[in-house]
Each structure stands twice: as C-alpha cells, then as structure tokens.
C-alpha cells in the first residue's frame, strides 16, 4: 500500500513517493532511511507491492550498463534489463506467485530521463500521457494531476484520501540525456 507517481516532462521526468509501508496485516511503518525511490547506476527506481522483490531490486540488483551507442532504450529494457532483473530476483530467493490475486510488484524505472513501468509479468509499459501511478493512493494522485495539481499537491490529495499513504514525500528528478 503506497502512492508513487511519475510525471514525464519534455526535458526529463520526476518520480515522487510517500513514506508509509504497511505489513500484510495492515500495520503501518515509517522510517527516514526506508525510501521507495532509489538510484542504481543510471537508473532511478521506485517500487510498490511485496517488500521482498522491492528490496532486492532497489538494494541488491546491479542494473546492466547502457552501451554508449544505444538509441532505443525501450528495446534495451525489454531485451537486456528485464532478463537481468528476472535473474537477480530468482537468484535472491524471490519466487513469483502466479496465482496471486493482486500484483506482487510494480516498478517505475527512469532511464535517461524517460519513465518505464515494469510489472510482475516483467512487461514494460510506456504511457502516451506521461502520467504514471503505483499503489493504493495513486488514483487520487493521478486525478489531482489531471485536474492541474503539481506533484506535491497530488501527493497531499492521495494522503488525505488513502489511509496507506503518508508524508513526508520524496521526489527525484532525472534529466534527459
């Protein structure tokens, strides 16, 4: 349970997240060193869902280097990043439950200033409107953005309406290269 939003901008992107985590039984946790957005090499990663895959991807995974001559990052994500990510999760003990009724993980990954959404089927998505949202409060935040709110106001709206979303909020920006 969380709220993470991503906004694609002409010169890059921003990803914002709340700071509340919740156990399966609903007990909320918040601590300043626990963040939902991490930098891993040239990747900016925000994760929602089951804690284990989020921890592995955000703290153990070593993203592959982007070759200097790579022009199509979407293709690189599908052919190189996703197989590498899947292998890291498997090697570190994550077993995907294909019978799970809800997602087990969702990630927003920014690479060279472009946001990609990755779900637990290892599919890579791009949105034509450039507005991304993960977690239980994301629909409130996306609605606020669609109504003209900036990222901070959108996160405040989500926190007001979703018990699993709470400040402080963190934001990271990544410029296009």
C-alpha atoms as a PDB file:
ATOM      1  CA  UNK A   1       0.000   0.000   0.000  1.00  0.00           C
ATOM      2  CA  UNK A   2       1.626   3.154  -1.169  1.00  0.00           C
ATOM      3  CA  UNK A   3       1.492   6.103  -3.509  1.00  0.00           C
ATOM      4  CA  UNK A   4       4.120   6.593  -6.171  1.00  0.00           C
ATOM      5  CA  UNK A   5       3.671   8.921  -9.119  1.00  0.00           C
ATOM      6  CA  UNK A   6       5.789   9.572 -12.163  1.00  0.00           C
ATOM      7  CA  UNK A   7       5.478  12.553 -14.451  1.00  0.00           C
ATOM      8  CA  UNK A   8       7.177  12.563 -17.831  1.00  0.00           C
ATOM      9  CA  UNK A   9       8.277  16.063 -18.809  1.00  0.00           C
ATOM     10  CA  UNK A  10       9.801  17.338 -22.067  1.00  0.00           C
ATOM     11  CA  UNK A  11      13.327  17.544 -20.614  1.00  0.00           C
ATOM     12  CA  UNK A  12      13.172  14.603 -18.217  1.00  0.00           C
ATOM     13  CA  UNK A  13      10.968  13.186 -15.518  1.00  0.00           C
ATOM     14  CA  UNK A  14      10.146  13.211 -11.852  1.00  0.00           C
ATOM     15  CA  UNK A  15       9.127  10.412  -9.535  1.00  0.00           C
ATOM     16  CA  UNK A  16       7.543  11.099  -6.141  1.00  0.00           C
ATOM     17  CA  UNK A  17       6.625   8.705  -3.328  1.00  0.00           C
ATOM     18  CA  UNK A  18       5.126   8.708   0.115  1.00  0.00           C
ATOM     19  CA  UNK A  19       6.947   7.202   3.103  1.00  0.00           C
ATOM     20  CA  UNK A  20       4.464   4.736   4.619  1.00  0.00           C
ATOM     21  CA  UNK A  21       4.932   0.992   4.339  1.00  0.00           C
ATOM     22  CA  UNK A  22       2.372  -1.490   5.584  1.00  0.00           C
ATOM     23  CA  UNK A  23       2.518  -5.144   6.561  1.00  0.00           C
ATOM     24  CA  UNK A  24       0.041  -7.674   5.178  1.00  0.00           C
ATOM     25  CA  UNK A  25      -1.915  -7.322   8.431  1.00  0.00           C
ATOM     26  CA  UNK A  26      -2.175  -3.543   7.922  1.00  0.00           C
ATOM     27  CA  UNK A  27       0.342  -2.324  10.489  1.00  0.00           C
ATOM     28  CA  UNK A  28       1.922   0.908   9.192  1.00  0.00           C
ATOM     29  CA  UNK A  29       5.648   1.642   9.326  1.00  0.00           C
ATOM     30  CA  UNK A  30       7.558   4.798   8.537  1.00  0.00           C
ATOM     31  CA  UNK A  31      11.276   5.475   8.968  1.00  0.00           C
ATOM     32  CA  UNK A  32      13.530   8.112   7.365  1.00  0.00           C
ATOM     33  CA  UNK A  33      16.064   5.615   5.975  1.00  0.00           C
ATOM     34  CA  UNK A  34      13.394   3.498   4.275  1.00  0.00           C
ATOM     35  CA  UNK A  35      12.662   5.047   0.902  1.00  0.00           C
ATOM     36  CA  UNK A  36      10.594   3.890  -2.042  1.00  0.00           C
ATOM     37  CA  UNK A  37      12.858   5.594  -4.596  1.00  0.00           C
ATOM     38  CA  UNK A  38      16.492   4.605  -5.094  1.00  0.00           C
ATOM     39  CA  UNK A  39      19.269   5.366  -7.553  1.00  0.00           C
ATOM     40  CA  UNK A  40      21.032   2.340  -9.034  1.00  0.00           C
ATOM     41  CA  UNK A  41      23.665   3.422 -11.517  1.00  0.00           C
ATOM     42  CA  UNK A  42      21.885   5.370 -14.262  1.00  0.00           C
ATOM     43  CA  UNK A  43      18.509   4.020 -13.111  1.00  0.00           C
ATOM     44  CA  UNK A  44      16.036   5.724 -10.827  1.00  0.00           C
ATOM     45  CA  UNK A  45      13.757   3.023  -9.358  1.00  0.00           C
ATOM     46  CA  UNK A  46      10.519   3.333  -7.388  1.00  0.00           C
ATOM     47  CA  UNK A  47       8.865   0.155  -6.149  1.00  0.00           C
ATOM     48  CA  UNK A  48       5.454  -0.827  -4.824  1.00  0.00           C
ATOM     49  CA  UNK A  49       3.976  -4.117  -3.749  1.00  0.00           C
ATOM     50  CA  UNK A  50       5.501  -7.036  -1.895  1.00  0.00           C
ATOM     51  CA  UNK A  51       8.547  -5.921   0.064  1.00  0.00           C
ATOM     52  CA  UNK A  52      10.939  -8.730  -0.910  1.00  0.00           C
ATOM     53  CA  UNK A  53      11.162  -8.005  -4.664  1.00  0.00           C
ATOM     54  CA  UNK A  54      11.274  -4.266  -3.995  1.00  0.00           C
ATOM     55  CA  UNK A  55      14.182  -4.693  -1.573  1.00  0.00           C
ATOM     56  CA  UNK A  56      16.059  -6.957  -3.997  1.00  0.00           C
ATOM     57  CA  UNK A  57      15.652  -4.627  -6.973  1.00  0.00           C
ATOM     58  CA  UNK A  58      16.305  -1.429  -5.062  1.00  0.00           C
ATOM     59  CA  UNK A  59      19.250  -2.601  -2.955  1.00  0.00           C
ATOM     60  CA  UNK A  60      20.861  -5.723  -4.457  1.00  0.00           C
ATOM     61  CA  UNK A  61      20.265  -5.592  -8.218  1.00  0.00           C
ATOM     62  CA  UNK A  62      23.078  -4.213 -10.353  1.00  0.00           C
ATOM     63  CA  UNK A  63      21.422  -2.811 -13.487  1.00  0.00           C
ATOM     64  CA  UNK A  64      23.248  -3.534 -16.746  1.00  0.00           C
ATOM     65  CA  UNK A  65      25.353  -0.751 -18.201  1.00  0.00           C
ATOM     66  CA  UNK A  66      23.749   1.097 -21.070  1.00  0.00           C
ATOM     67  CA  UNK A  67      26.028   0.849 -24.120  1.00  0.00           C
ATOM     68  CA  UNK A  68      27.075   4.277 -25.402  1.00  0.00           C
ATOM     69  CA  UNK A  69      25.605   3.660 -28.866  1.00  0.00           C
ATOM     70  CA  UNK A  70      22.161   2.576 -27.584  1.00  0.00           C
ATOM     71  CA  UNK A  71      19.481   4.684 -29.263  1.00  0.00           C
ATOM     72  CA  UNK A  72      16.405   2.589 -28.374  1.00  0.00           C
ATOM     73  CA  UNK A  73      16.204   2.339 -24.578  1.00  0.00           C
ATOM     74  CA  UNK A  74      12.754   0.688 -24.764  1.00  0.00           C
ATOM     75  CA  UNK A  75      14.290  -2.192 -26.737  1.00  0.00           C
ATOM     76  CA  UNK A  76      17.224  -2.297 -24.293  1.00  0.00           C
ATOM     77  CA  UNK A  77      14.766  -2.502 -21.383  1.00  0.00           C
ATOM     78  CA  UNK A  78      12.989  -5.500 -22.904  1.00  0.00           C
ATOM     79  CA  UNK A  79      15.996  -7.417 -24.234  1.00  0.00           C
ATOM     80  CA  UNK A  80      18.635  -6.706 -21.581  1.00  0.00           C
ATOM     81  CA  UNK A  81      17.256  -5.087 -18.427  1.00  0.00           C
ATOM     82  CA  UNK A  82      14.259  -7.374 -17.875  1.00  0.00           C
ATOM     83  CA  UNK A  83      16.154 -10.687 -18.257  1.00  0.00           C
ATOM     84  CA  UNK A  84      18.820  -9.314 -15.889  1.00  0.00           C
ATOM     85  CA  UNK A  85      16.168  -8.190 -13.387  1.00  0.00           C
ATOM     86  CA  UNK A  86      14.353 -11.545 -13.524  1.00  0.00           C
ATOM     87  CA  UNK A  87      17.630 -13.416 -12.906  1.00  0.00           C
ATOM     88  CA  UNK A  88      18.514 -11.213  -9.916  1.00  0.00           C
ATOM     89  CA  UNK A  89      15.113 -11.743  -8.309  1.00  0.00           C
ATOM     90  CA  UNK A  90      15.326 -15.512  -8.804  1.00  0.00           C
ATOM     91  CA  UNK A  91      18.936 -15.706  -7.561  1.00  0.00           C
ATOM     92  CA  UNK A  92      17.981 -13.816  -4.408  1.00  0.00           C
ATOM     93  CA  UNK A  93      15.073 -16.047  -3.444  1.00  0.00           C
ATOM     94  CA  UNK A  94      12.028 -14.336  -4.896  1.00  0.00           C
ATOM     95  CA  UNK A  95       9.509 -16.825  -6.246  1.00  0.00           C
ATOM     96  CA  UNK A  96       6.711 -15.198  -8.207  1.00  0.00           C
ATOM     97  CA  UNK A  97       3.246 -16.432  -7.171  1.00  0.00           C
ATOM     98  CA  UNK A  98       1.338 -16.546 -10.443  1.00  0.00           C
ATOM     99  CA  UNK A  99      -1.893 -17.260  -8.528  1.00  0.00           C
ATOM    100  CA  UNK A 100      -1.686 -14.019  -6.550  1.00  0.00           C
ATOM    101  CA  UNK A 101      -4.897 -12.050  -6.989  1.00  0.00           C
ATOM    102  CA  UNK A 102      -3.109  -8.713  -6.853  1.00  0.00           C
ATOM    103  CA  UNK A 103       0.233  -7.679  -8.216  1.00  0.00           C
ATOM    104  CA  UNK A 104       3.322  -8.682  -6.293  1.00  0.00           C
ATOM    105  CA  UNK A 105       5.418  -5.773  -7.521  1.00  0.00           C
ATOM    106  CA  UNK A 106       5.320  -2.768  -9.763  1.00  0.00           C
ATOM    107  CA  UNK A 107       8.231  -0.501 -10.586  1.00  0.00           C
ATOM    108  CA  UNK A 108       8.714   2.853 -12.200  1.00  0.00           C
ATOM    109  CA  UNK A 109      12.192   2.967 -13.690  1.00  0.00           C
ATOM    110  CA  UNK A 110      13.623   6.160 -15.105  1.00  0.00           C
ATOM    111  CA  UNK A 111      16.489   5.757 -17.546  1.00  0.00           C
ATOM    112  CA  UNK A 112      17.986   8.738 -19.389  1.00  0.00           C
ATOM    113  CA  UNK A 113      15.029  10.861 -18.290  1.00  0.00           C
ATOM    114  CA  UNK A 114      12.303   8.529 -19.552  1.00  0.00           C
ATOM    115  CA  UNK A 115       9.932   6.608 -17.269  1.00  0.00           C
ATOM    116  CA  UNK A 116       9.173   2.932 -17.879  1.00  0.00           C
ATOM    117  CA  UNK A 117       6.633   0.952 -15.853  1.00  0.00           C
ATOM    118  CA  UNK A 118       7.514  -2.687 -15.134  1.00  0.00           C
ATOM    119  CA  UNK A 119       5.017  -5.106 -13.623  1.00  0.00           C
ATOM    120  CA  UNK A 120       5.339  -8.559 -12.104  1.00  0.00           C
ATOM    121  CA  UNK A 121       4.861 -10.219 -15.501  1.00  0.00           C
ATOM    122  CA  UNK A 122       8.089  -8.430 -16.493  1.00  0.00           C
ATOM    123  CA  UNK A 123       6.225  -6.379 -19.070  1.00  0.00           C
ATOM    124  CA  UNK A 124       7.497  -2.890 -19.894  1.00  0.00           C
ATOM    125  CA  UNK A 125       4.975  -0.094 -20.421  1.00  0.00           C
ATOM    126  CA  UNK A 126       5.092   3.498 -21.655  1.00  0.00           C
ATOM    127  CA  UNK A 127       2.152   5.907 -21.299  1.00  0.00           C
ATOM    128  CA  UNK A 128       1.348   8.399 -24.007  1.00  0.00           C
ATOM    129  CA  UNK A 129       0.114  10.957 -21.449  1.00  0.00           C
ATOM    130  CA  UNK A 130       3.291  10.603 -19.346  1.00  0.00           C
ATOM    131  CA  UNK A 131       1.435  10.257 -16.034  1.00  0.00           C
ATOM    132  CA  UNK A 132       2.216   7.121 -14.034  1.00  0.00           C
ATOM    133  CA  UNK A 133       0.902   5.887 -10.709  1.00  0.00           C
ATOM    134  CA  UNK A 134       1.531   2.892  -8.481  1.00  0.00           C
ATOM    135  CA  UNK A 135      -0.113   1.824  -5.266  1.00  0.00           C
ATOM    136  CA  UNK A 136      -3.349   2.256  -3.383  1.00  0.00           C
ATOM    137  CA  UNK A 137      -3.368   6.060  -3.412  1.00  0.00           C
ATOM    138  CA  UNK A 138      -2.204   6.543  -6.979  1.00  0.00           C
ATOM    139  CA  UNK A 139      -5.666   7.010  -8.485  1.00  0.00           C
ATOM    140  CA  UNK A 140      -6.214  10.013  -6.179  1.00  0.00           C
ATOM    141  CA  UNK A 141      -2.853  11.481  -7.146  1.00  0.00           C
ATOM    142  CA  UNK A 142      -3.397  10.902 -10.874  1.00  0.00           C
ATOM    143  CA  UNK A 143      -6.844  12.518 -10.636  1.00  0.00           C
ATOM    144  CA  UNK A 144      -5.326  15.529  -8.903  1.00  0.00           C
ATOM    145  CA  UNK A 145      -2.644  15.852 -11.595  1.00  0.00           C
ATOM    146  CA  UNK A 146      -5.297  15.581 -14.311  1.00  0.00           C
ATOM    147  CA  UNK A 147      -7.096  18.462 -12.575  1.00  0.00           C
ATOM    148  CA  UNK A 148      -3.979  20.647 -12.701  1.00  0.00           C
ATOM    149  CA  UNK A 149      -2.234  19.874  -9.394  1.00  0.00           C
ATOM    150  CA  UNK A 150       1.541  19.731  -9.174  1.00  0.00           C
ATOM    151  CA  UNK A 151       3.238  16.602  -7.823  1.00  0.00           C
ATOM    152  CA  UNK A 152       3.277  17.813  -4.208  1.00  0.00           C
ATOM    153  CA  UNK A 153      -0.410  18.728  -4.126  1.00  0.00           C
ATOM    154  CA  UNK A 154      -1.255  15.418  -5.838  1.00  0.00           C
ATOM    155  CA  UNK A 155       0.581  13.509  -3.101  1.00  0.00           C
ATOM    156  CA  UNK A 156      -1.246  15.534  -0.418  1.00  0.00           C
ATOM    157  CA  UNK A 157      -4.590  14.633  -2.008  1.00  0.00           C
ATOM    158  CA  UNK A 158      -3.606  10.949  -2.014  1.00  0.00           C
ATOM    159  CA  UNK A 159      -2.563  11.101   1.653  1.00  0.00           C
ATOM    160  CA  UNK A 160      -5.833  12.749   2.620  1.00  0.00           C
ATOM    161  CA  UNK A 161      -7.902  10.064   0.878  1.00  0.00           C
ATOM    162  CA  UNK A 162      -5.826   6.883   1.265  1.00  0.00           C
ATOM    163  CA  UNK A 163      -5.026   5.589   4.751  1.00  0.00           C
ATOM    164  CA  UNK A 164      -1.962   3.755   3.378  1.00  0.00           C
ATOM    165  CA  UNK A 165      -0.326   6.966   2.132  1.00  0.00           C
ATOM    166  CA  UNK A 166       1.516   9.389   4.403  1.00  0.00           C
ATOM    167  CA  UNK A 167       4.095  12.175   4.255  1.00  0.00           C
ATOM    168  CA  UNK A 168       6.889  13.002   4.173  1.00  0.00           C
ATOM    169  CA  UNK A 169       7.097  12.765   0.424  1.00  0.00           C
ATOM    170  CA  UNK A 170      10.298  12.297  -1.546  1.00  0.00           C
ATOM    171  CA  UNK A 171      10.877  13.399  -5.098  1.00  0.00           C
ATOM    172  CA  UNK A 172      13.664  12.689  -7.552  1.00  0.00           C
ATOM    173  CA  UNK A 173      14.202  14.227 -10.952  1.00  0.00           C
ATOM    174  CA  UNK A 174      16.170  12.821 -13.858  1.00  0.00           C
ATOM    175  CA  UNK A 175      17.140  14.847 -16.897  1.00  0.00           C
ATOM    176  CA  UNK A 176      17.083  13.510 -20.452  1.00  0.00           C
ATOM    177  CA  UNK A 177      20.482  12.727 -21.898  1.00  0.00           C
END
